[in-house]
Amino acid sequence: MSVGPFAAPTDVADHYERRLRMETDCADVYGAMQTGDPGFVLIDTRSVDAYAERHVPSAVSIPSPELTAASLAEFGADARFVTYCWGPHCNGAAKGAARIARLGYPAKEMLGGMWGWEMEGYAFG
């Protein structure tokens, strides 16, 4: 059995560097939050009820369908956003990041979501 052909190292580096401009992980979000000014707004894209049960500390609840120019305007024109949802099996964070980007704001998805946050051992709000 073979793993197939390998791409040129520069192609591999370009691929992963592009991904890192669009994705982050729980450890990086946690570390940024510890500074007191992470440089982004963390958005929980799950339902309002799910957010009320528990959420990542300092996250704002805006379910993906409610991410609109009006709901983001309060954060300012220069705001940057990181989205999350339940975990690897959920695409709500990806949908949210796409909606935010279509509205003209920089956005990233926090890989792992709530599941990843819990697996890292971080506290919930």
PDB file of N, CA and C in Angstrom:
ATOM      1  N   MET A   1       0.844  -1.177   0.000  1.00  0.00           N
ATOM      2  CA  MET A   1       0.000   0.000   0.000  1.00  0.00           C
ATOM      3  C   MET A   1       0.884   1.233   0.000  1.00  0.00           C
ATOM      4  N   SER A   2       0.450   2.259  -0.719  1.00  0.00           N
ATOM      5  CA  SER A   2       1.204   3.498  -0.857  1.00  0.00           C
ATOM      6  C   SER A   2       0.380   4.671  -0.333  1.00  0.00           C
ATOM      7  N   VAL A   3       1.053   5.699   0.117  1.00  0.00           N
ATOM      8  CA  VAL A   3       0.369   6.918   0.537  1.00  0.00           C
ATOM      9  C   VAL A   3       0.170   7.865  -0.644  1.00  0.00           C
ATOM     10  N   GLY A   4       0.609   7.483  -1.811  1.00  0.00           N
ATOM     11  CA  GLY A   4       0.453   8.307  -3.002  1.00  0.00           C
ATOM     12  C   GLY A   4       1.597   9.278  -3.157  1.00  0.00           C
ATOM     13  N   PRO A   5       1.547  10.078  -4.206  1.00  0.00           N
ATOM     14  CA  PRO A   5       2.647  11.012  -4.476  1.00  0.00           C
ATOM     15  C   PRO A   5       2.693  12.142  -3.447  1.00  0.00           C
ATOM     16  N   PHE A   6       3.848  12.694  -3.292  1.00  0.00           N
ATOM     17  CA  PHE A   6       4.046  13.834  -2.413  1.00  0.00           C
ATOM     18  C   PHE A   6       4.132  15.109  -3.239  1.00  0.00           C
ATOM     19  N   ALA A   7       3.580  16.178  -2.712  1.00  0.00           N
ATOM     20  CA  ALA A   7       3.664  17.481  -3.364  1.00  0.00           C
ATOM     21  C   ALA A   7       5.035  18.089  -3.096  1.00  0.00           C
ATOM     22  N   ALA A   8       5.388  19.054  -3.894  1.00  0.00           N
ATOM     23  CA  ALA A   8       6.636  19.786  -3.680  1.00  0.00           C
ATOM     24  C   ALA A   8       6.570  20.502  -2.336  1.00  0.00           C
ATOM     25  N   PRO A   9       7.675  20.574  -1.626  1.00  0.00           N
ATOM     26  CA  PRO A   9       7.667  21.228  -0.315  1.00  0.00           C
ATOM     27  C   PRO A   9       7.082  22.637  -0.337  1.00  0.00           C
ATOM     28  N   THR A  10       7.343  23.421  -1.358  1.00  0.00           N
ATOM     29  CA  THR A  10       6.788  24.771  -1.414  1.00  0.00           C
ATOM     30  C   THR A  10       5.271  24.737  -1.539  1.00  0.00           C
ATOM     31  N   ASP A  11       4.727  23.750  -2.274  1.00  0.00           N
ATOM     32  CA  ASP A  11       3.270  23.611  -2.389  1.00  0.00           C
ATOM     33  C   ASP A  11       2.655  23.233  -1.046  1.00  0.00           C
ATOM     34  N   VAL A  12       3.331  22.355  -0.331  1.00  0.00           N
ATOM     35  CA  VAL A  12       2.847  21.942   0.985  1.00  0.00           C
ATOM     36  C   VAL A  12       2.856  23.145   1.943  1.00  0.00           C
ATOM     37  N   ALA A  13       3.957  23.882   1.969  1.00  0.00           N
ATOM     38  CA  ALA A  13       4.050  25.057   2.845  1.00  0.00           C
ATOM     39  C   ALA A  13       2.972  26.072   2.494  1.00  0.00           C
ATOM     40  N   ASP A  14       2.776  26.344   1.199  1.00  0.00           N
ATOM     41  CA  ASP A  14       1.747  27.298   0.775  1.00  0.00           C
ATOM     42  C   ASP A  14       0.359  26.853   1.222  1.00  0.00           C
ATOM     43  N   HIS A  15       0.065  25.571   1.077  1.00  0.00           N
ATOM     44  CA  HIS A  15      -1.244  25.022   1.470  1.00  0.00           C
ATOM     45  C   HIS A  15      -1.508  25.247   2.954  1.00  0.00           C
ATOM     46  N   TYR A  16      -0.566  24.868   3.805  1.00  0.00           N
ATOM     47  CA  TYR A  16      -0.795  24.977   5.242  1.00  0.00           C
ATOM     48  C   TYR A  16      -0.755  26.414   5.724  1.00  0.00           C
ATOM     49  N   GLU A  17       0.041  27.249   5.095  1.00  0.00           N
ATOM     50  CA  GLU A  17       0.036  28.660   5.469  1.00  0.00           C
ATOM     51  C   GLU A  17      -1.295  29.317   5.127  1.00  0.00           C
ATOM     52  N   ARG A  18      -1.903  28.922   3.996  1.00  0.00           N
ATOM     53  CA  ARG A  18      -3.240  29.434   3.657  1.00  0.00           C
ATOM     54  C   ARG A  18      -4.257  28.981   4.709  1.00  0.00           C
ATOM     55  N   ARG A  19      -4.182  27.714   5.107  1.00  0.00           N
ATOM     56  CA  ARG A  19      -5.110  27.212   6.134  1.00  0.00           C
ATOM     57  C   ARG A  19      -4.964  27.981   7.433  1.00  0.00           C
ATOM     58  N   LEU A  20      -3.732  28.276   7.832  1.00  0.00           N
ATOM     59  CA  LEU A  20      -3.510  28.977   9.101  1.00  0.00           C
ATOM     60  C   LEU A  20      -4.016  30.414   9.076  1.00  0.00           C
ATOM     61  N   ARG A  21      -4.213  30.988   7.899  1.00  0.00           N
ATOM     62  CA  ARG A  21      -4.817  32.314   7.816  1.00  0.00           C
ATOM     63  C   ARG A  21      -6.328  32.237   8.007  1.00  0.00           C
ATOM     64  N   MET A  22      -6.905  31.041   7.910  1.00  0.00           N
ATOM     65  CA  MET A  22      -8.354  30.875   8.010  1.00  0.00           C
ATOM     66  C   MET A  22      -8.794  30.050   9.214  1.00  0.00           C
ATOM     67  N   GLU A  23      -7.865  29.358   9.837  1.00  0.00           N
ATOM     68  CA  GLU A  23      -8.188  28.476  10.962  1.00  0.00           C
ATOM     69  C   GLU A  23      -7.234  28.746  12.120  1.00  0.00           C
ATOM     70  N   THR A  24      -7.756  28.511  13.305  1.00  0.00           N
ATOM     71  CA  THR A  24      -6.939  28.564  14.505  1.00  0.00           C
ATOM     72  C   THR A  24      -7.373  27.397  15.381  1.00  0.00           C
ATOM     73  N   ASP A  25      -6.765  27.226  16.531  1.00  0.00           N
ATOM     74  CA  ASP A  25      -7.189  26.135  17.406  1.00  0.00           C
ATOM     75  C   ASP A  25      -7.470  26.653  18.812  1.00  0.00           C
ATOM     76  N   CYS A  26      -7.975  25.772  19.624  1.00  0.00           N
ATOM     77  CA  CYS A  26      -8.383  26.156  20.980  1.00  0.00           C
ATOM     78  C   CYS A  26      -7.208  26.680  21.801  1.00  0.00           C
ATOM     79  N   ALA A  27      -6.048  26.056  21.676  1.00  0.00           N
ATOM     80  CA  ALA A  27      -4.882  26.492  22.461  1.00  0.00           C
ATOM     81  C   ALA A  27      -4.465  27.907  22.075  1.00  0.00           C
ATOM     82  N   ASP A  28      -4.489  28.219  20.791  1.00  0.00           N
ATOM     83  CA  ASP A  28      -4.112  29.570  20.375  1.00  0.00           C
ATOM     84  C   ASP A  28      -5.143  30.594  20.819  1.00  0.00           C
ATOM     85  N   VAL A  29      -6.414  30.246  20.746  1.00  0.00           N
ATOM     86  CA  VAL A  29      -7.464  31.159  21.212  1.00  0.00           C
ATOM     87  C   VAL A  29      -7.320  31.377  22.717  1.00  0.00           C
ATOM     88  N   TYR A  30      -7.141  30.299  23.461  1.00  0.00           N
ATOM     89  CA  TYR A  30      -6.968  30.405  24.904  1.00  0.00           C
ATOM     90  C   TYR A  30      -5.772  31.295  25.247  1.00  0.00           C
ATOM     91  N   GLY A  31      -4.654  31.055  24.583  1.00  0.00           N
ATOM     92  CA  GLY A  31      -3.456  31.855  24.835  1.00  0.00           C
ATOM     93  C   GLY A  31      -3.675  33.327  24.539  1.00  0.00           C
ATOM     94  N   ALA A  32      -4.346  33.621  23.433  1.00  0.00           N
ATOM     95  CA  ALA A  32      -4.631  35.013  23.077  1.00  0.00           C
ATOM     96  C   ALA A  32      -5.544  35.654  24.115  1.00  0.00           C
ATOM     97  N   MET A  33      -6.512  34.892  24.613  1.00  0.00           N
ATOM     98  CA  MET A  33      -7.448  35.421  25.603  1.00  0.00           C
ATOM     99  C   MET A  33      -6.745  35.741  26.921  1.00  0.00           C
ATOM    100  N   GLN A  34      -5.673  35.031  27.225  1.00  0.00           N
ATOM    101  CA  GLN A  34      -4.948  35.264  28.477  1.00  0.00           C
ATOM    102  C   GLN A  34      -4.223  36.599  28.485  1.00  0.00           C
ATOM    103  N   THR A  35      -4.029  37.194  27.320  1.00  0.00           N
ATOM    104  CA  THR A  35      -3.332  38.478  27.234  1.00  0.00           C
ATOM    105  C   THR A  35      -4.226  39.639  27.648  1.00  0.00           C
ATOM    106  N   GLY A  36      -5.542  39.409  27.698  1.00  0.00           N
ATOM    107  CA  GLY A  36      -6.479  40.467  28.050  1.00  0.00           C
ATOM    108  C   GLY A  36      -6.987  41.223  26.832  1.00  0.00           C
ATOM    109  N   ASP A  37      -6.258  41.182  25.738  1.00  0.00           N
ATOM    110  CA  ASP A  37      -6.696  41.820  24.491  1.00  0.00           C
ATOM    111  C   ASP A  37      -6.321  40.888  23.340  1.00  0.00           C
ATOM    112  N   PRO A  38      -7.183  39.913  23.070  1.00  0.00           N
ATOM    113  CA  PRO A  38      -6.830  38.887  22.079  1.00  0.00           C
ATOM    114  C   PRO A  38      -6.757  39.403  20.641  1.00  0.00           C
ATOM    115  N   GLY A  39      -7.362  40.555  20.362  1.00  0.00           N
ATOM    116  CA  GLY A  39      -7.332  41.085  19.009  1.00  0.00           C
ATOM    117  C   GLY A  39      -8.426  40.550  18.105  1.00  0.00           C
ATOM    118  N   PHE A  40      -9.420  39.919  18.705  1.00  0.00           N
ATOM    119  CA  PHE A  40     -10.558  39.410  17.944  1.00  0.00           C
ATOM    120  C   PHE A  40     -11.758  39.272  18.854  1.00  0.00           C
ATOM    121  N   VAL A  41     -12.914  39.176  18.237  1.00  0.00           N
ATOM    122  CA  VAL A  41     -14.159  38.885  18.950  1.00  0.00           C
ATOM    123  C   VAL A  41     -14.440  37.417  18.730  1.00  0.00           C
ATOM    124  N   LEU A  42     -14.646  36.678  19.810  1.00  0.00           N
ATOM    125  CA  LEU A  42     -14.949  35.252  19.731  1.00  0.00           C
ATOM    126  C   LEU A  42     -16.459  35.079  19.660  1.00  0.00           C
ATOM    127  N   ILE A  43     -16.926  34.418  18.607  1.00  0.00           N
ATOM    128  CA  ILE A  43     -18.366  34.257  18.400  1.00  0.00           C
ATOM    129  C   ILE A  43     -18.766  32.786  18.482  1.00  0.00           C
ATOM    130  N   ASP A  44     -19.700  32.516  19.371  1.00  0.00           N
ATOM    131  CA  ASP A  44     -20.330  31.200  19.495  1.00  0.00           C
ATOM    132  C   ASP A  44     -21.486  31.175  18.506  1.00  0.00           C
ATOM    133  N   THR A  45     -21.389  30.335  17.488  1.00  0.00           N
ATOM    134  CA  THR A  45     -22.392  30.299  16.420  1.00  0.00           C
ATOM    135  C   THR A  45     -23.522  29.310  16.691  1.00  0.00           C
ATOM    136  N   ARG A  46     -23.507  28.671  17.867  1.00  0.00           N
ATOM    137  CA  ARG A  46     -24.565  27.724  18.209  1.00  0.00           C
ATOM    138  C   ARG A  46     -25.833  28.480  18.594  1.00  0.00           C
ATOM    139  N   SER A  47     -26.857  27.757  18.961  1.00  0.00           N
ATOM    140  CA  SER A  47     -28.111  28.398  19.362  1.00  0.00           C
ATOM    141  C   SER A  47     -27.923  29.198  20.650  1.00  0.00           C
ATOM    142  N   VAL A  48     -28.813  30.142  20.870  1.00  0.00           N
ATOM    143  CA  VAL A  48     -28.790  30.948  22.089  1.00  0.00           C
ATOM    144  C   VAL A  48     -28.956  30.048  23.311  1.00  0.00           C
ATOM    145  N   ASP A  49     -29.808  29.030  23.220  1.00  0.00           N
ATOM    146  CA  ASP A  49     -30.015  28.104  24.341  1.00  0.00           C
ATOM    147  C   ASP A  49     -28.750  27.306  24.649  1.00  0.00           C
ATOM    148  N   ALA A  50     -28.062  26.836  23.617  1.00  0.00           N
ATOM    149  CA  ALA A  50     -26.822  26.083  23.830  1.00  0.00           C
ATOM    150  C   ALA A  50     -25.773  26.979  24.478  1.00  0.00           C
ATOM    151  N   TYR A  51     -25.679  28.216  24.025  1.00  0.00           N
ATOM    152  CA  TYR A  51     -24.751  29.183  24.602  1.00  0.00           C
ATOM    153  C   TYR A  51     -25.066  29.402  26.088  1.00  0.00           C
ATOM    154  N   ALA A  52     -26.353  29.521  26.415  1.00  0.00           N
ATOM    155  CA  ALA A  52     -26.758  29.774  27.801  1.00  0.00           C
ATOM    156  C   ALA A  52     -26.357  28.623  28.720  1.00  0.00           C
ATOM    157  N   GLU A  53     -26.348  27.401  28.199  1.00  0.00           N
ATOM    158  CA  GLU A  53     -25.959  26.239  29.013  1.00  0.00           C
ATOM    159  C   GLU A  53     -24.494  26.292  29.385  1.00  0.00           C
ATOM    160  N   ARG A  54     -23.639  26.552  28.399  1.00  0.00           N
ATOM    161  CA  ARG A  54     -22.210  26.745  28.629  1.00  0.00           C
ATOM    162  C   ARG A  54     -21.568  27.208  27.326  1.00  0.00           C
ATOM    163  N   HIS A  55     -20.480  27.937  27.502  1.00  0.00           N
ATOM    164  CA  HIS A  55     -19.803  28.512  26.353  1.00  0.00           C
ATOM    165  C   HIS A  55     -18.361  28.833  26.731  1.00  0.00           C
ATOM    166  N   VAL A  56     -17.567  29.154  25.740  1.00  0.00           N
ATOM    167  CA  VAL A  56     -16.195  29.570  25.984  1.00  0.00           C
ATOM    168  C   VAL A  56     -16.243  30.964  26.618  1.00  0.00           C
ATOM    169  N   PRO A  57     -15.499  31.188  27.705  1.00  0.00           N
ATOM    170  CA  PRO A  57     -15.520  32.490  28.360  1.00  0.00           C
ATOM    171  C   PRO A  57     -15.190  33.619  27.374  1.00  0.00           C
ATOM    172  N   SER A  58     -15.851  34.707  27.531  1.00  0.00           N
ATOM    173  CA  SER A  58     -15.746  35.936  26.732  1.00  0.00           C
ATOM    174  C   SER A  58     -16.343  35.822  25.336  1.00  0.00           C
ATOM    175  N   ALA A  59     -16.893  34.665  24.993  1.00  0.00           N
ATOM    176  CA  ALA A  59     -17.543  34.523  23.683  1.00  0.00           C
ATOM    177  C   ALA A  59     -18.863  35.275  23.668  1.00  0.00           C
ATOM    178  N   VAL A  60     -19.227  35.739  22.487  1.00  0.00           N
ATOM    179  CA  VAL A  60     -20.486  36.415  22.241  1.00  0.00           C
ATOM    180  C   VAL A  60     -21.384  35.436  21.483  1.00  0.00           C
ATOM    181  N   SER A  61     -22.649  35.366  21.845  1.00  0.00           N
ATOM    182  CA  SER A  61     -23.583  34.465  21.165  1.00  0.00           C
ATOM    183  C   SER A  61     -24.224  35.172  19.974  1.00  0.00           C
ATOM    184  N   ILE A  62     -23.879  34.690  18.769  1.00  0.00           N
ATOM    185  CA  ILE A  62     -24.567  35.122  17.551  1.00  0.00           C
ATOM    186  C   ILE A  62     -24.692  33.882  16.670  1.00  0.00           C
ATOM    187  N   PRO A  63     -25.831  33.204  16.703  1.00  0.00           N
ATOM    188  CA  PRO A  63     -26.000  32.017  15.856  1.00  0.00           C
ATOM    189  C   PRO A  63     -25.729  32.349  14.387  1.00  0.00           C
ATOM    190  N   SER A  64     -25.153  31.404  13.663  1.00  0.00           N
ATOM    191  CA  SER A  64     -24.751  31.639  12.270  1.00  0.00           C
ATOM    192  C   SER A  64     -25.789  32.374  11.430  1.00  0.00           C
ATOM    193  N   PRO A  65     -27.076  31.962  11.463  1.00  0.00           N
ATOM    194  CA  PRO A  65     -28.048  32.664  10.621  1.00  0.00           C
ATOM    195  C   PRO A  65     -28.249  34.131  10.991  1.00  0.00           C
ATOM    196  N   GLU A  66     -27.846  34.514  12.199  1.00  0.00           N
ATOM    197  CA  GLU A  66     -28.038  35.888  12.659  1.00  0.00           C
ATOM    198  C   GLU A  66     -26.805  36.772  12.471  1.00  0.00           C
ATOM    199  N   LEU A  67     -25.772  36.228  11.823  1.00  0.00           N
ATOM    200  CA  LEU A  67     -24.575  37.022  11.547  1.00  0.00           C
ATOM    201  C   LEU A  67     -24.871  37.912  10.349  1.00  0.00           C
ATOM    202  N   THR A  68     -25.157  39.167  10.647  1.00  0.00           N
ATOM    203  CA  THR A  68     -25.529  40.142   9.625  1.00  0.00           C
ATOM    204  C   THR A  68     -24.674  41.397   9.813  1.00  0.00           C
ATOM    205  N   ALA A  69     -24.747  42.288   8.849  1.00  0.00           N
ATOM    206  CA  ALA A  69     -24.025  43.560   8.969  1.00  0.00           C
ATOM    207  C   ALA A  69     -24.444  44.275  10.252  1.00  0.00           C
ATOM    208  N   ALA A  70     -25.729  44.237  10.566  1.00  0.00           N
ATOM    209  CA  ALA A  70     -26.226  44.914  11.766  1.00  0.00           C
ATOM    210  C   ALA A  70     -25.694  44.266  13.042  1.00  0.00           C
ATOM    211  N   SER A  71     -25.645  42.922  13.092  1.00  0.00           N
ATOM    212  CA  SER A  71     -25.194  42.259  14.322  1.00  0.00           C
ATOM    213  C   SER A  71     -23.690  42.405  14.540  1.00  0.00           C
ATOM    214  N   LEU A  72     -22.939  42.676  13.487  1.00  0.00           N
ATOM    215  CA  LEU A  72     -21.489  42.829  13.623  1.00  0.00           C
ATOM    216  C   LEU A  72     -21.054  44.287  13.750  1.00  0.00           C
ATOM    217  N   ALA A  73     -21.917  45.206  13.349  1.00  0.00           N
ATOM    218  CA  ALA A  73     -21.560  46.629  13.327  1.00  0.00           C
ATOM    219  C   ALA A  73     -21.134  47.153  14.693  1.00  0.00           C
ATOM    220  N   GLU A  74     -21.733  46.622  15.747  1.00  0.00           N
ATOM    221  CA  GLU A  74     -21.414  47.116  17.088  1.00  0.00           C
ATOM    222  C   GLU A  74     -19.950  46.890  17.470  1.00  0.00           C
ATOM    223  N   PHE A  75     -19.258  45.992  16.765  1.00  0.00           N
ATOM    224  CA  PHE A  75     -17.870  45.687  17.095  1.00  0.00           C
ATOM    225  C   PHE A  75     -16.874  46.582  16.355  1.00  0.00           C
ATOM    226  N   GLY A  76     -17.379  47.398  15.448  1.00  0.00           N
ATOM    227  CA  GLY A  76     -16.530  48.336  14.723  1.00  0.00           C
ATOM    228  C   GLY A  76     -16.069  47.804  13.375  1.00  0.00           C
ATOM    229  N   ALA A  77     -15.725  48.735  12.509  1.00  0.00           N
ATOM    230  CA  ALA A  77     -15.343  48.387  11.134  1.00  0.00           C
ATOM    231  C   ALA A  77     -14.029  47.618  11.062  1.00  0.00           C
ATOM    232  N   ASP A  78     -13.177  47.750  12.067  1.00  0.00           N
ATOM    233  CA  ASP A  78     -11.879  47.072  12.053  1.00  0.00           C
ATOM    234  C   ASP A  78     -11.871  45.765  12.838  1.00  0.00           C
ATOM    235  N   ALA A  79     -13.035  45.312  13.274  1.00  0.00           N
ATOM    236  CA  ALA A  79     -13.116  44.097  14.086  1.00  0.00           C
ATOM    237  C   ALA A  79     -12.671  42.869  13.297  1.00  0.00           C
ATOM    238  N   ARG A  80     -12.109  41.932  14.034  1.00  0.00           N
ATOM    239  CA  ARG A  80     -11.738  40.617  13.493  1.00  0.00           C
ATOM    240  C   ARG A  80     -12.458  39.581  14.348  1.00  0.00           C
ATOM    241  N   PHE A  81     -12.826  38.479  13.726  1.00  0.00           N
ATOM    242  CA  PHE A  81     -13.676  37.513  14.404  1.00  0.00           C
ATOM    243  C   PHE A  81     -13.111  36.094  14.324  1.00  0.00           C
ATOM    244  N   VAL A  82     -13.341  35.342  15.407  1.00  0.00           N
ATOM    245  CA  VAL A  82     -13.070  33.909  15.441  1.00  0.00           C
ATOM    246  C   VAL A  82     -14.386  33.241  15.821  1.00  0.00           C
ATOM    247  N   THR A  83     -14.769  32.228  15.059  1.00  0.00           N
ATOM    248  CA  THR A  83     -16.034  31.535  15.294  1.00  0.00           C
ATOM    249  C   THR A  83     -15.797  30.121  15.807  1.00  0.00           C
ATOM    250  N   TYR A  84     -16.769  29.616  16.560  1.00  0.00           N
ATOM    251  CA  TYR A  84     -16.739  28.201  16.953  1.00  0.00           C
ATOM    252  C   TYR A  84     -18.158  27.685  17.088  1.00  0.00           C
ATOM    253  N   CYS A  85     -18.283  26.351  17.068  1.00  0.00           N
ATOM    254  CA  CYS A  85     -19.575  25.695  17.295  1.00  0.00           C
ATOM    255  C   CYS A  85     -19.334  24.476  18.187  1.00  0.00           C
ATOM    256  N   TRP A  86     -20.062  23.389  17.956  1.00  0.00           N
ATOM    257  CA  TRP A  86     -19.968  22.209  18.824  1.00  0.00           C
ATOM    258  C   TRP A  86     -18.620  21.513  18.746  1.00  0.00           C
ATOM    259  N   GLY A  87     -18.150  21.253  17.553  1.00  0.00           N
ATOM    260  CA  GLY A  87     -16.893  20.522  17.407  1.00  0.00           C
ATOM    261  C   GLY A  87     -16.653  20.096  15.978  1.00  0.00           C
ATOM    262  N   PRO A  88     -15.789  19.102  15.795  1.00  0.00           N
ATOM    263  CA  PRO A  88     -15.393  18.694  14.443  1.00  0.00           C
ATOM    264  C   PRO A  88     -16.553  18.198  13.575  1.00  0.00           C
ATOM    265  N   HIS A  89     -17.616  17.764  14.192  1.00  0.00           N
ATOM    266  CA  HIS A  89     -18.754  17.229  13.450  1.00  0.00           C
ATOM    267  C   HIS A  89     -19.763  18.319  13.049  1.00  0.00           C
ATOM    268  N   CYS A  90     -19.470  19.569  13.371  1.00  0.00           N
ATOM    269  CA  CYS A  90     -20.398  20.672  13.158  1.00  0.00           C
ATOM    270  C   CYS A  90     -19.767  21.692  12.215  1.00  0.00           C
ATOM    271  N   ASN A  91     -20.550  22.182  11.258  1.00  0.00           N
ATOM    272  CA  ASN A  91     -19.998  23.180  10.344  1.00  0.00           C
ATOM    273  C   ASN A  91     -20.539  24.587  10.606  1.00  0.00           C
ATOM    274  N   GLY A  92     -21.158  24.791  11.740  1.00  0.00           N
ATOM    275  CA  GLY A  92     -21.687  26.116  12.081  1.00  0.00           C
ATOM    276  C   GLY A  92     -20.614  27.183  12.154  1.00  0.00           C
ATOM    277  N   ALA A  93     -19.433  26.836  12.649  1.00  0.00           N
ATOM    278  CA  ALA A  93     -18.350  27.808  12.727  1.00  0.00           C
ATOM    279  C   ALA A  93     -17.849  28.168  11.340  1.00  0.00           C
ATOM    280  N   ALA A  94     -17.751  27.186  10.459  1.00  0.00           N
ATOM    281  CA  ALA A  94     -17.321  27.458   9.079  1.00  0.00           C
ATOM    282  C   ALA A  94     -18.349  28.330   8.364  1.00  0.00           C
ATOM    283  N   LYS A  95     -19.625  28.013   8.539  1.00  0.00           N
ATOM    284  CA  LYS A  95     -20.682  28.838   7.946  1.00  0.00           C
ATOM    285  C   LYS A  95     -20.615  30.260   8.492  1.00  0.00           C
ATOM    286  N   GLY A  96     -20.394  30.376   9.788  1.00  0.00           N
ATOM    287  CA  GLY A  96     -20.304  31.691  10.413  1.00  0.00           C
ATOM    288  C   GLY A  96     -19.122  32.494   9.896  1.00  0.00           C
ATOM    289  N   ALA A  97     -17.952  31.865   9.811  1.00  0.00           N
ATOM    290  CA  ALA A  97     -16.772  32.565   9.307  1.00  0.00           C
ATOM    291  C   ALA A  97     -16.988  33.011   7.862  1.00  0.00           C
ATOM    292  N   ALA A  98     -17.626  32.166   7.064  1.00  0.00           N
ATOM    293  CA  ALA A  98     -17.905  32.530   5.672  1.00  0.00           C
ATOM    294  C   ALA A  98     -18.847  33.730   5.603  1.00  0.00           C
ATOM    295  N   ARG A  99     -19.887  33.724   6.424  1.00  0.00           N
ATOM    296  CA  ARG A  99     -20.836  34.850   6.434  1.00  0.00           C
ATOM    297  C   ARG A  99     -20.138  36.143   6.845  1.00  0.00           C
ATOM    298  N   ILE A 100     -19.317  36.056   7.875  1.00  0.00           N
ATOM    299  CA  ILE A 100     -18.596  37.229   8.364  1.00  0.00           C
ATOM    300  C   ILE A 100     -17.673  37.771   7.270  1.00  0.00           C
ATOM    301  N   ALA A 101     -16.946  36.878   6.615  1.00  0.00           N
ATOM    302  CA  ALA A 101     -16.033  37.306   5.550  1.00  0.00           C
ATOM    303  C   ALA A 101     -16.791  37.933   4.388  1.00  0.00           C
ATOM    304  N   ARG A 102     -17.944  37.389   4.044  1.00  0.00           N
ATOM    305  CA  ARG A 102     -18.769  37.964   2.965  1.00  0.00           C
ATOM    306  C   ARG A 102     -19.247  39.370   3.330  1.00  0.00           C
ATOM    307  N   LEU A 103     -19.319  39.653   4.625  1.00  0.00           N
ATOM    308  CA  LEU A 103     -19.714  40.989   5.079  1.00  0.00           C
ATOM    309  C   LEU A 103     -18.516  41.941   5.148  1.00  0.00           C
ATOM    310  N   GLY A 104     -17.336  41.451   4.794  1.00  0.00           N
ATOM    311  CA  GLY A 104     -16.162  42.299   4.700  1.00  0.00           C
ATOM    312  C   GLY A 104     -15.233  42.313   5.898  1.00  0.00           C
ATOM    313  N   TYR A 105     -15.432  41.390   6.842  1.00  0.00           N
ATOM    314  CA  TYR A 105     -14.587  41.336   8.028  1.00  0.00           C
ATOM    315  C   TYR A 105     -13.637  40.139   7.955  1.00  0.00           C
ATOM    316  N   PRO A 106     -12.434  40.270   8.522  1.00  0.00           N
ATOM    317  CA  PRO A 106     -11.559  39.114   8.642  1.00  0.00           C
ATOM    318  C   PRO A 106     -12.166  38.109   9.636  1.00  0.00           C
ATOM    319  N   ALA A 107     -12.056  36.830   9.317  1.00  0.00           N
ATOM    320  CA  ALA A 107     -12.622  35.794  10.188  1.00  0.00           C
ATOM    321  C   ALA A 107     -11.804  34.520  10.112  1.00  0.00           C
ATOM    322  N   LYS A 108     -11.803  33.799  11.223  1.00  0.00           N
ATOM    323  CA  LYS A 108     -11.179  32.483  11.313  1.00  0.00           C
ATOM    324  C   LYS A 108     -12.136  31.556  12.040  1.00  0.00           C
ATOM    325  N   GLU A 109     -11.979  30.279  11.785  1.00  0.00           N
ATOM    326  CA  GLU A 109     -12.714  29.244  12.517  1.00  0.00           C
ATOM    327  C   GLU A 109     -11.799  28.658  13.581  1.00  0.00           C
ATOM    328  N   MET A 110     -12.318  28.498  14.811  1.00  0.00           N
ATOM    329  CA  MET A 110     -11.573  27.801  15.858  1.00  0.00           C
ATOM    330  C   MET A 110     -11.866  26.311  15.710  1.00  0.00           C
ATOM    331  N   LEU A 111     -10.875  25.574  15.232  1.00  0.00           N
ATOM    332  CA  LEU A 111     -11.044  24.136  15.058  1.00  0.00           C
ATOM    333  C   LEU A 111     -11.286  23.459  16.403  1.00  0.00           C
ATOM    334  N   GLY A 112     -12.127  22.470  16.416  1.00  0.00           N
ATOM    335  CA  GLY A 112     -12.415  21.721  17.643  1.00  0.00           C
ATOM    336  C   GLY A 112     -13.643  22.190  18.377  1.00  0.00           C
ATOM    337  N   GLY A 113     -13.952  23.490  18.305  1.00  0.00           N
ATOM    338  CA  GLY A 113     -15.144  24.022  18.948  1.00  0.00           C
ATOM    339  C   GLY A 113     -15.224  23.687  20.426  1.00  0.00           C
ATOM    340  N   MET A 114     -16.437  23.501  20.890  1.00  0.00           N
ATOM    341  CA  MET A 114     -16.673  23.193  22.306  1.00  0.00           C
ATOM    342  C   MET A 114     -15.981  21.894  22.711  1.00  0.00           C
ATOM    343  N   TRP A 115     -16.028  20.903  21.827  1.00  0.00           N
ATOM    344  CA  TRP A 115     -15.394  19.616  22.120  1.00  0.00           C
ATOM    345  C   TRP A 115     -13.900  19.800  22.316  1.00  0.00           C
ATOM    346  N   GLY A 116     -13.265  20.522  21.404  1.00  0.00           N
ATOM    347  CA  GLY A 116     -11.825  20.759  21.520  1.00  0.00           C
ATOM    348  C   GLY A 116     -11.468  21.539  22.767  1.00  0.00           C
ATOM    349  N   TRP A 117     -12.293  22.532  23.088  1.00  0.00           N
ATOM    350  CA  TRP A 117     -12.071  23.337  24.288  1.00  0.00           C
ATOM    351  C   TRP A 117     -12.081  22.442  25.525  1.00  0.00           C
ATOM    352  N   GLU A 118     -13.074  21.559  25.582  1.00  0.00           N
ATOM    353  CA  GLU A 118     -13.155  20.639  26.722  1.00  0.00           C
ATOM    354  C   GLU A 118     -11.981  19.663  26.751  1.00  0.00           C
ATOM    355  N   MET A 119     -11.595  19.132  25.595  1.00  0.00           N
ATOM    356  CA  MET A 119     -10.469  18.179  25.533  1.00  0.00           C
ATOM    357  C   MET A 119      -9.168  18.829  25.982  1.00  0.00           C
ATOM    358  N   GLU A 120      -9.029  20.136  25.759  1.00  0.00           N
ATOM    359  CA  GLU A 120      -7.830  20.860  26.208  1.00  0.00           C
ATOM    360  C   GLU A 120      -7.856  21.112  27.711  1.00  0.00           C
ATOM    361  N   GLY A 121      -9.031  20.914  28.347  1.00  0.00           N
ATOM    362  CA  GLY A 121      -9.149  21.111  29.786  1.00  0.00           C
ATOM    363  C   GLY A 121      -9.457  22.540  30.203  1.00  0.00           C
ATOM    364  N   TYR A 122      -9.905  23.363  29.273  1.00  0.00           N
ATOM    365  CA  TYR A 122     -10.219  24.756  29.586  1.00  0.00           C
ATOM    366  C   TYR A 122     -11.613  24.868  30.192  1.00  0.00           C
ATOM    367  N   ALA A 123     -11.793  25.869  31.022  1.00  0.00           N
ATOM    368  CA  ALA A 123     -13.074  26.088  31.693  1.00  0.00           C
ATOM    369  C   ALA A 123     -14.102  26.703  30.746  1.00  0.00           C
ATOM    370  N   PHE A 124     -15.355  26.492  31.063  1.00  0.00           N
ATOM    371  CA  PHE A 124     -16.466  27.089  30.329  1.00  0.00           C
ATOM    372  C   PHE A 124     -17.113  28.172  31.168  1.00  0.00           C
ATOM    373  N   GLY A 125     -17.812  29.070  30.475  1.00  0.00           N
ATOM    374  CA  GLY A 125     -18.563  30.112  31.154  1.00  0.00           C
ATOM    375  C   GLY A 125     -19.987  29.669  31.347  1.00  0.00           C
TER     376      GLY A 125
END
